[in-house]
Protein backbone atom coordinates (compact mmCIF):
# COMPACT_ATOMS: atom_id res chain seq x y z
CA MET A 1 173.72 140.00 53.30
CA ILE A 2 173.31 142.51 56.10
CA LYS A 3 169.74 141.04 57.19
CA HIS A 4 171.03 137.58 57.95
CA LEU A 5 174.27 138.61 59.28
CA LYS A 6 171.98 140.48 61.67
CA LEU A 7 169.99 137.67 62.30
CA PHE A 8 172.51 135.80 63.31
CA ILE A 9 174.61 138.53 65.17
CA LEU A 10 171.41 138.58 67.23
CA SER A 11 170.84 134.73 67.58
CA ALA A 12 174.73 134.51 68.93
CA ILE A 13 174.37 137.02 71.78
CA PHE A 14 171.51 134.68 72.57
CA ILE A 15 173.23 131.54 71.67
CA GLN A 16 177.15 131.84 71.69
CA GLY A 17 178.54 128.51 70.13
CA THR A 18 178.66 125.40 67.70
CA THR A 19 178.49 122.30 67.55
CA HIS A 20 178.88 119.61 64.87
CA ALA A 21 176.88 116.81 63.28
CA LEU A 22 173.62 117.47 64.95
CA SER A 23 171.46 114.05 65.24
CA THR A 24 174.71 112.37 66.80
CA GLU A 25 174.77 112.13 70.08
CA ASP A 26 178.22 110.57 71.21
CA ASN A 27 179.68 113.37 69.46
CA LEU A 28 183.34 114.10 71.00
CA TYR A 29 183.02 118.23 70.01
CA HIS A 30 179.40 118.03 71.66
CA ALA A 31 178.86 120.95 74.10
CA SER A 32 177.78 119.50 77.90
CA PRO A 33 175.64 122.42 79.67
CA PRO A 34 175.80 123.72 83.47
CA THR A 35 174.21 121.51 85.57
CA ALA A 36 172.65 123.12 88.53
CA GLY A 37 169.44 123.74 90.70
CA ILE A 38 166.56 122.64 89.58
CA LYS A 39 168.22 120.73 86.61
CA GLN A 40 170.53 118.96 89.17
CA GLU A 41 167.51 117.72 90.74
CA LEU A 42 165.64 116.80 88.14
CA GLU A 43 168.33 114.31 86.98
CA ASN A 44 168.78 113.31 90.58
CA GLU A 45 165.09 111.75 90.00
CA GLY A 46 166.30 110.31 86.87
CA PHE A 47 164.61 113.06 84.16
CA THR A 48 167.32 115.02 82.11
CA PRO A 49 165.78 117.52 79.91
CA LYS A 50 167.87 119.04 77.28
CA LEU A 51 167.60 122.40 75.20
CA GLU A 52 170.23 122.81 72.05
CA VAL A 53 170.19 125.80 69.59
CA ASN A 54 172.15 126.40 66.92
CA ALA A 55 172.55 129.64 64.47
CA GLU A 56 174.28 129.46 61.19
CA VAL A 57 174.72 132.24 58.15
CA TRP A 58 176.26 131.39 54.84
CA ALA A 59 177.34 133.87 51.73
CA ASN A 60 178.51 132.87 48.48
CA THR A 61 181.11 135.73 47.61
CA SER A 62 181.61 134.23 43.96
CA GLY A 63 180.89 131.25 41.21
CA GLY A 64 178.11 128.74 42.40
CA ALA A 65 174.76 129.03 41.04
CA ASN A 66 173.71 132.24 42.53
CA THR A 67 175.64 134.76 44.97
CA GLY A 68 173.70 136.09 48.45
CA SER A 69 173.43 134.90 51.73
CA VAL A 70 171.57 132.70 53.49
CA GLY A 71 170.54 133.03 57.50
CA LEU A 72 169.47 128.96 59.07
CA PHE A 73 168.25 128.65 63.07
CA GLN A 74 168.03 124.62 64.04
CA SER A 75 166.93 123.05 67.62
CA GLN A 76 166.57 120.22 69.25
CA PHE A 77 165.05 119.19 72.67
CA GLY A 78 163.90 116.78 74.56
CA PHE A 79 164.71 114.62 77.44
CA GLU A 80 165.78 110.92 78.89
CA LEU A 81 164.13 109.32 81.62
CA ASP A 82 166.06 106.91 83.80
CA LEU A 83 163.79 103.87 84.21
CA LYS A 84 166.22 102.29 86.91
CA LYS A 85 165.34 105.67 89.29
CA THR A 86 161.71 106.05 88.18
CA SER A 87 160.28 102.62 87.69
CA GLY A 88 163.24 100.39 89.11
CA LEU A 89 163.88 99.18 85.52
CA ASP A 90 168.35 98.76 85.93
CA GLY A 91 169.69 99.56 83.01
CA TRP A 92 167.03 100.96 80.99
CA THR A 93 166.48 104.36 78.98
CA TYR A 94 163.77 106.50 78.11
CA VAL A 95 164.11 109.26 75.16
CA MET A 96 162.38 111.85 73.60
CA ASP A 97 163.19 114.67 71.74
CA TRP A 98 161.70 117.28 69.16
CA HIS A 99 163.56 119.09 66.38
CA ALA A 100 162.78 122.35 64.78
CA TYR A 101 164.32 123.75 61.89
CA TYR A 102 163.88 127.54 59.85
CA GLY A 103 165.61 128.43 56.80
CA ASN A 104 166.18 127.09 52.81
CA SER A 105 168.74 124.94 51.53
CA PRO A 106 171.91 127.40 50.89
CA SER A 107 173.37 124.65 49.20
CA ILE A 108 171.06 123.83 46.27
CA THR A 109 169.89 127.61 46.37
CA LEU A 110 173.16 129.48 46.36
CA ILE A 111 175.72 126.63 45.06
CA GLY A 112 173.77 124.17 43.04
CA MET A 113 176.29 121.05 44.75
CA ASP A 114 175.04 117.62 45.30
CA GLU A 115 173.05 118.12 48.72
CA ALA A 116 174.52 114.97 50.33
CA SER A 117 177.35 116.95 50.75
CA ALA A 118 175.45 120.08 51.99
CA LEU A 119 177.62 123.20 53.31
CA SER A 120 176.04 122.59 56.72
CA GLY A 121 174.82 119.12 58.29
CA MET A 122 172.23 121.40 60.06
CA GLU A 123 170.38 121.72 56.36
CA ALA A 124 166.99 120.61 55.71
CA THR A 125 164.33 121.27 52.78
CA SER A 126 161.15 122.62 54.74
CA ASN A 127 160.90 124.29 58.16
CA VAL A 128 159.59 122.18 60.60
CA VAL A 129 158.82 120.97 63.94
CA ARG A 130 158.39 116.86 64.45
CA PHE A 131 159.34 114.55 66.71
CA SER A 132 162.50 113.21 66.26
CA ASN A 133 164.30 110.35 68.90
CA LEU A 134 161.47 108.24 70.04
CA TYR A 135 163.00 104.76 71.67
CA LEU A 136 163.96 102.73 74.78
CA LYS A 137 168.17 102.00 75.72
CA LYS A 138 169.16 98.94 77.20
CA GLU A 139 172.63 98.76 78.56
CA PHE A 140 174.31 95.52 79.47
CA ASP A 141 177.55 95.14 81.30
CA ASP A 142 178.31 98.64 82.46
CA GLY A 143 177.79 99.63 78.93
CA ARG A 144 179.79 97.12 76.86
CA TYR A 145 176.63 95.79 75.32
CA GLN A 146 173.57 98.23 73.72
CA LEU A 147 170.17 97.61 72.67
CA ARG A 148 168.30 100.45 71.31
CA ILE A 149 164.47 100.21 69.80
CA GLY A 150 162.22 102.70 68.42
CA GLN A 151 162.65 105.72 66.13
CA LEU A 152 166.14 106.55 65.75
CA ALA A 153 168.78 107.77 63.22
CA ALA A 154 171.59 105.94 61.98
CA ASP A 155 173.85 108.96 61.57
CA ALA A 156 173.53 108.72 65.03
CA THR A 157 176.09 105.70 65.72
CA PHE A 158 177.33 104.99 62.13
CA MET A 159 179.86 106.48 59.92
CA LEU A 160 181.39 108.52 62.82
CA SER A 161 184.71 110.16 62.09
CA GLN A 162 186.30 111.09 65.71
CA TYR A 163 188.29 114.01 64.33
CA GLY A 164 186.49 114.70 61.20
CA ALA A 165 183.67 115.85 64.13
CA VAL A 166 184.74 119.60 64.05
CA PHE A 167 183.97 120.11 60.44
CA ILE A 168 180.63 121.87 59.23
CA ASN A 169 180.52 120.48 55.65
CA SER A 170 177.76 117.43 55.76
CA SER A 171 180.72 115.40 53.65
CA PHE A 172 182.55 114.88 57.02
CA GLY A 173 179.00 113.01 59.05
CA PRO A 174 177.02 110.56 57.30
CA LEU A 175 178.77 109.29 53.93
CA PRO A 176 177.05 110.83 51.16
CA ALA A 177 176.95 107.98 49.28
CA GLU A 178 174.77 106.44 52.11
CA LEU A 179 172.29 109.49 51.42
CA LEU A 180 172.08 109.12 48.38
CA ALA A 181 171.62 105.24 47.94
CA MET A 182 168.55 105.21 50.26
CA ASN A 183 166.41 106.94 52.53
CA ALA A 184 167.02 105.29 55.67
CA PRO A 185 166.83 107.31 58.69
CA ASN A 186 169.76 110.30 58.68
CA TYR A 187 168.90 113.61 60.32
CA PRO A 188 167.11 115.54 59.72
CA LEU A 189 164.47 112.55 59.27
CA TRP A 190 164.22 109.56 62.24
CA ALA A 191 162.17 106.28 61.61
CA PRO A 192 161.91 103.26 63.00
CA GLY A 193 164.58 100.59 63.88
CA VAL A 194 166.97 98.67 66.19
CA TYR A 195 170.59 99.37 67.07
CA GLY A 196 173.07 97.14 68.45
CA TYR A 197 176.49 97.31 70.34
CA ALA A 198 179.14 95.03 71.45
CA GLU A 199 182.67 94.80 72.58
CA PRO A 200 183.63 91.71 72.70
CA HIS A 201 186.77 92.47 73.93
CA GLU A 202 188.20 96.11 74.84
CA ASP A 203 190.16 96.84 71.71
CA ILE A 204 187.15 95.11 69.65
CA PHE A 205 183.48 96.76 69.26
CA MET A 206 181.06 95.87 67.05
CA GLN A 207 177.62 97.61 66.03
CA LEU A 208 174.46 96.42 63.60
CA GLY A 209 171.61 98.59 63.16
CA VAL A 210 168.33 97.25 60.85
CA TYR A 211 166.07 100.52 59.66
CA THR A 212 163.06 100.86 57.58
CA ALA A 213 164.98 101.88 54.23
CA ASN A 214 161.57 104.96 54.05
CA ALA A 215 162.11 107.55 56.41
CA GLY A 216 159.26 109.34 54.16
CA GLN A 217 159.97 112.89 52.81
CA ASP A 218 161.21 116.32 54.73
CA VAL A 219 157.81 118.09 55.00
CA SER A 220 156.33 119.57 58.19
CA SER A 221 152.87 118.41 57.78
CA ASN A 222 154.04 114.87 58.81
CA TRP A 223 155.22 115.79 62.38
CA GLY A 224 158.32 112.95 61.86
CA PHE A 225 155.94 109.68 61.27
CA GLY A 226 156.05 109.87 57.30
CA TRP A 227 158.02 106.91 56.82
CA SER A 228 156.46 103.68 56.23
CA ILE A 229 157.19 100.30 56.28
CA SER A 230 157.31 97.57 53.69
CA ALA A 231 158.26 94.86 51.63
CA ASN A 232 159.17 97.14 48.36
CA ASP A 233 160.50 99.73 50.98
CA GLY A 234 163.11 97.16 52.12
CA ALA A 235 165.17 97.99 55.05
CA GLY A 236 168.67 99.93 56.02
CA ILE A 237 171.34 97.68 57.48
CA PHE A 238 174.49 99.58 58.87
CA TYR A 239 177.65 97.02 60.25
CA GLU A 240 180.66 98.48 61.48
CA ILE A 241 183.87 96.48 63.26
CA GLY A 242 186.29 98.39 64.51
CA THR A 243 189.49 98.34 66.89
CA GLU A 244 190.99 100.81 69.37
CA GLN A 245 194.96 100.56 68.53
CA SER A 246 198.33 102.23 69.38
CA LEU A 247 200.70 102.67 66.75
CA TRP A 248 204.52 103.90 67.87
CA GLY A 249 202.51 105.26 71.19
CA LEU A 250 199.92 107.02 69.10
CA PRO A 251 196.22 106.14 69.79
CA GLY A 252 194.01 105.30 66.75
CA THR A 253 190.61 104.05 65.68
CA TYR A 254 190.23 101.69 62.83
CA VAL A 255 186.74 100.80 61.02
CA LEU A 256 185.43 98.55 58.77
CA GLY A 257 182.00 99.13 57.82
CA VAL A 258 179.26 98.24 54.70
CA PHE A 259 175.35 99.61 54.42
CA ALA A 260 172.56 98.23 52.44
CA THR A 261 169.25 98.65 51.11
CA THR A 262 166.85 95.41 50.54
CA GLY A 263 164.47 97.48 48.88
CA ASP A 264 164.14 98.67 45.27
CA VAL A 265 166.23 100.80 43.61
CA THR A 266 166.37 102.20 40.14
CA LEU A 267 169.07 101.02 37.20
CA TYR A 268 170.06 103.86 36.00
CA SER A 269 171.21 102.26 33.13
CA SER A 270 167.11 101.47 32.10
CA GLY A 271 165.31 103.37 34.80
CA ALA A 272 163.98 99.92 35.40
CA GLN A 273 164.12 98.99 39.45
CA ASP A 274 165.60 96.16 40.97
CA TRP A 275 166.42 94.82 44.42
CA GLY A 276 169.26 95.75 46.88
CA LEU A 277 172.34 97.80 46.70
CA ALA A 278 175.34 97.75 48.73
CA TYR A 279 178.32 100.05 50.17
CA PRO A 280 181.45 98.64 51.85
CA TYR A 281 183.57 101.42 53.31
CA LEU A 282 186.67 101.99 55.89
CA MET A 283 187.47 104.66 58.20
CA LEU A 284 190.73 105.18 60.23
CA ASN A 285 191.22 107.92 62.82
CA GLN A 286 195.04 108.61 64.23
CA ALA A 287 196.75 110.62 66.37
CA LEU A 288 199.59 112.52 65.17
CA ILE A 289 200.47 114.45 67.96
CA THR A 290 200.02 113.75 71.90
CA ASP A 291 201.27 116.15 74.50
CA ALA A 292 202.75 114.61 77.90
CA ASP A 293 199.33 113.64 79.22
CA GLY A 294 198.39 110.94 75.87
CA ASN A 295 196.00 113.92 74.90
CA THR A 296 195.60 114.24 70.95
CA VAL A 297 197.45 118.06 69.91
CA LEU A 298 196.50 116.61 66.33
CA GLY A 299 194.55 114.02 64.62
CA GLY A 300 193.97 112.86 61.02
CA PHE A 301 190.96 110.95 59.72
CA PHE A 302 190.26 109.14 56.59
CA ARG A 303 186.66 107.78 54.64
CA LEU A 304 186.97 106.28 51.94
CA ALA A 305 183.48 104.13 50.47
CA THR A 306 182.85 102.83 47.27
CA ASN A 307 180.95 99.98 45.29
CA PHE A 308 180.41 97.15 43.09
CA GLN A 309 176.91 97.87 41.49
CA ALA A 310 177.84 100.75 39.22
CA ASP A 311 174.03 100.41 37.11
CA ARG A 312 172.54 101.58 40.34
CA SER A 313 174.77 103.99 42.58
CA VAL A 314 175.42 107.11 42.24
CA ILE A 315 178.78 107.74 43.73
CA ASP A 316 181.32 105.39 42.47
CA LEU A 317 184.57 106.50 45.01
CA GLU A 318 183.96 108.53 47.79
CA ILE A 319 187.17 110.17 49.68
CA ASP A 320 187.02 112.48 52.60
CA THR A 321 190.25 113.20 54.80
CA GLY A 322 191.34 115.70 57.47
CA LEU A 323 193.48 117.09 60.12
CA ALA A 324 192.29 118.70 63.84
CA TRP A 325 194.63 120.98 65.74
CA PHE A 326 193.22 120.88 69.27
CA ALA A 327 194.25 123.94 71.25
CA PRO A 328 196.51 125.85 68.61
CA ILE A 329 196.67 128.61 70.40
CA PRO A 330 198.40 127.51 74.05
CA SER A 331 196.24 129.88 76.00
CA ARG A 332 192.44 128.91 74.64
CA PRO A 333 192.99 124.96 75.26
CA ASN A 334 189.28 123.89 74.21
CA ASP A 335 189.48 125.65 70.91
CA VAL A 336 190.08 123.61 66.97
CA LEU A 337 191.23 124.04 64.01
CA GLY A 338 189.79 122.19 60.94
CA LEU A 339 191.51 121.49 57.70
CA GLY A 340 189.08 119.37 55.73
CA PHE A 341 189.07 118.00 51.93
CA ALA A 342 185.88 115.53 50.53
CA TYR A 343 185.66 113.96 46.96
CA ASN A 344 183.10 112.45 45.48
CA SER A 345 183.54 110.51 42.08
CA TYR A 346 180.41 109.86 40.13
CA GLU A 347 179.10 106.65 38.02
CA SER A 348 178.62 106.95 34.66
CA ASP A 349 175.49 105.33 34.14
CA TYR A 350 173.99 107.61 36.99
CA LEU A 351 175.72 110.72 34.74
CA ALA A 352 173.89 109.79 31.32
CA TRP A 353 170.41 109.31 33.17
CA GLN A 354 171.18 112.91 34.80
CA ARG A 355 172.15 114.27 31.39
CA ALA A 356 168.96 112.17 29.28
CA ASN A 357 166.70 113.96 31.70
CA GLY A 358 168.64 117.81 31.09
CA ASN A 359 170.85 118.10 33.95
CA LEU A 360 174.54 119.21 32.92
CA VAL A 361 176.11 117.60 36.19
CA GLY A 362 180.00 117.06 36.50
CA GLN A 363 181.76 113.91 36.98
CA GLN A 364 183.45 115.12 40.15
CA GLN A 365 182.99 117.26 43.46
CA SER A 366 185.13 118.15 45.48
CA ILE A 367 185.45 120.87 48.68
CA LEU A 368 187.85 122.15 50.55
CA GLU A 369 187.15 123.15 54.11
CA VAL A 370 188.69 125.63 56.61
CA THR A 371 187.15 125.82 59.80
CA TYR A 372 187.90 126.80 63.91
CA GLN A 373 186.14 126.00 66.56
CA VAL A 374 186.06 128.88 69.39
CA ALA A 375 185.03 127.78 72.89
CA ILE A 376 183.15 130.36 75.23
CA THR A 377 182.39 128.16 77.65
CA GLU A 378 182.15 123.81 78.16
CA TRP A 379 178.85 124.52 76.72
CA CYS A 380 178.64 127.53 73.91
CA TYR A 381 180.93 127.26 71.11
CA VAL A 382 181.14 129.80 67.66
CA GLN A 383 182.52 128.72 64.57
CA PRO A 384 183.62 131.13 61.85
CA ASP A 385 183.83 128.34 58.53
CA PHE A 386 185.55 128.88 54.75
CA GLN A 387 184.54 126.39 52.28
CA LEU A 388 185.70 126.10 48.54
CA ILE A 389 183.23 123.74 46.23
CA LEU A 390 185.25 122.59 43.68
CA ASP A 391 182.80 121.69 40.53
CA PRO A 392 179.52 121.96 41.85
CA HIS A 393 177.48 118.73 41.02
CA TYR A 394 174.49 121.01 39.20
CA SER A 395 176.48 124.38 38.71
CA ARG A 396 179.74 123.66 37.67
CA ARG A 397 181.21 126.77 38.94
CA ASP A 398 183.62 126.53 41.61
CA ALA A 399 182.11 128.82 44.83
CA TRP A 400 183.72 130.28 47.35
CA VAL A 401 181.49 130.52 50.67
CA VAL A 402 182.00 131.83 54.11
CA GLY A 403 180.25 131.15 57.13
CA MET A 404 179.43 131.45 61.02
CA ARG A 405 177.62 129.04 63.10
CA GLY A 406 176.89 129.36 66.94
CA TYR A 407 175.61 126.83 69.28
CA VAL A 408 174.27 126.94 72.69
CA SER A 409 173.22 123.63 75.01
CA PHE A 410 170.99 124.31 77.99
């Protein structure tokens, strides 16, 4: 514990900050670095470099699989190239990023929980440096329409909860039901795909993404190119339609979505392979209190995912919900306090299959998270975090976990 705490303190001195949903580009809580000097000159020429660095320390104080502490380190670095400024191609942007990770998986080693509901959205299973984003982006009509093609991650644009972005537990990022249904590209894996976004009306938006459903394995040897494309792998398909409305004078965003795979999946009732799996889901984001300028003071979110194919699904019902309180201390206008709850119920066929293989897994798993994001500057945060894991999927012993994240964006 002392060793990891020292590691975190030294990293935080250098890092000084935090963020959430690390693969998400359009995150409400994503920091913006200061722009000055040579960086400004490069941006004026169409070249925008970026570097984000994260450090975390986690300690399981009781319960779970093992007590103890773990330190994690993650960074994302790369650039965006405005092709209008460099080549005269109006509306086109080229994005190239690399991803580096060091640490193990405290959710597995300390807690014994379902890895799709990991303590941290930045957890990975191997120490690695790899290519991540590699794509071309084209915008039309002032951004109302957008196309991306190349190596992408689905969770950069889908399953996003505006007020859930402050939470660190990955249950509030990409839906665990989706992560367990197929191996489509989600952090920490990126893979080929095509993404389209449209705003046909000022209050309505739609987005569609099609990716390979085999993003490969999280290992260091493939440099980010371990994905494959074949008929058996199939496609991972994501679709959302949403609207922005004002209820009783309070703004909200309401989304219906579905994710599906056309590839082969396991039938847990028999162990055989069959074609296809789909989940519908619902997401609600609602401002509950606003200030005199219309800015959200208290916002709430609710997400639900279920399925109609019990023989091939891991999760039967998934719910996550929570509150984000902005500027809970009036003298600190950029801080955020979050209280979140996530619940997974597992399919009976999957449970029987696990138990037949000697794994005494639980029928439900629940997570309570309390977090406080402390803004040091506009580009720099620290974030203490507390999580209570009820009935972890594999260890079945409630775990009390404390953690801290630091983040900076250059």
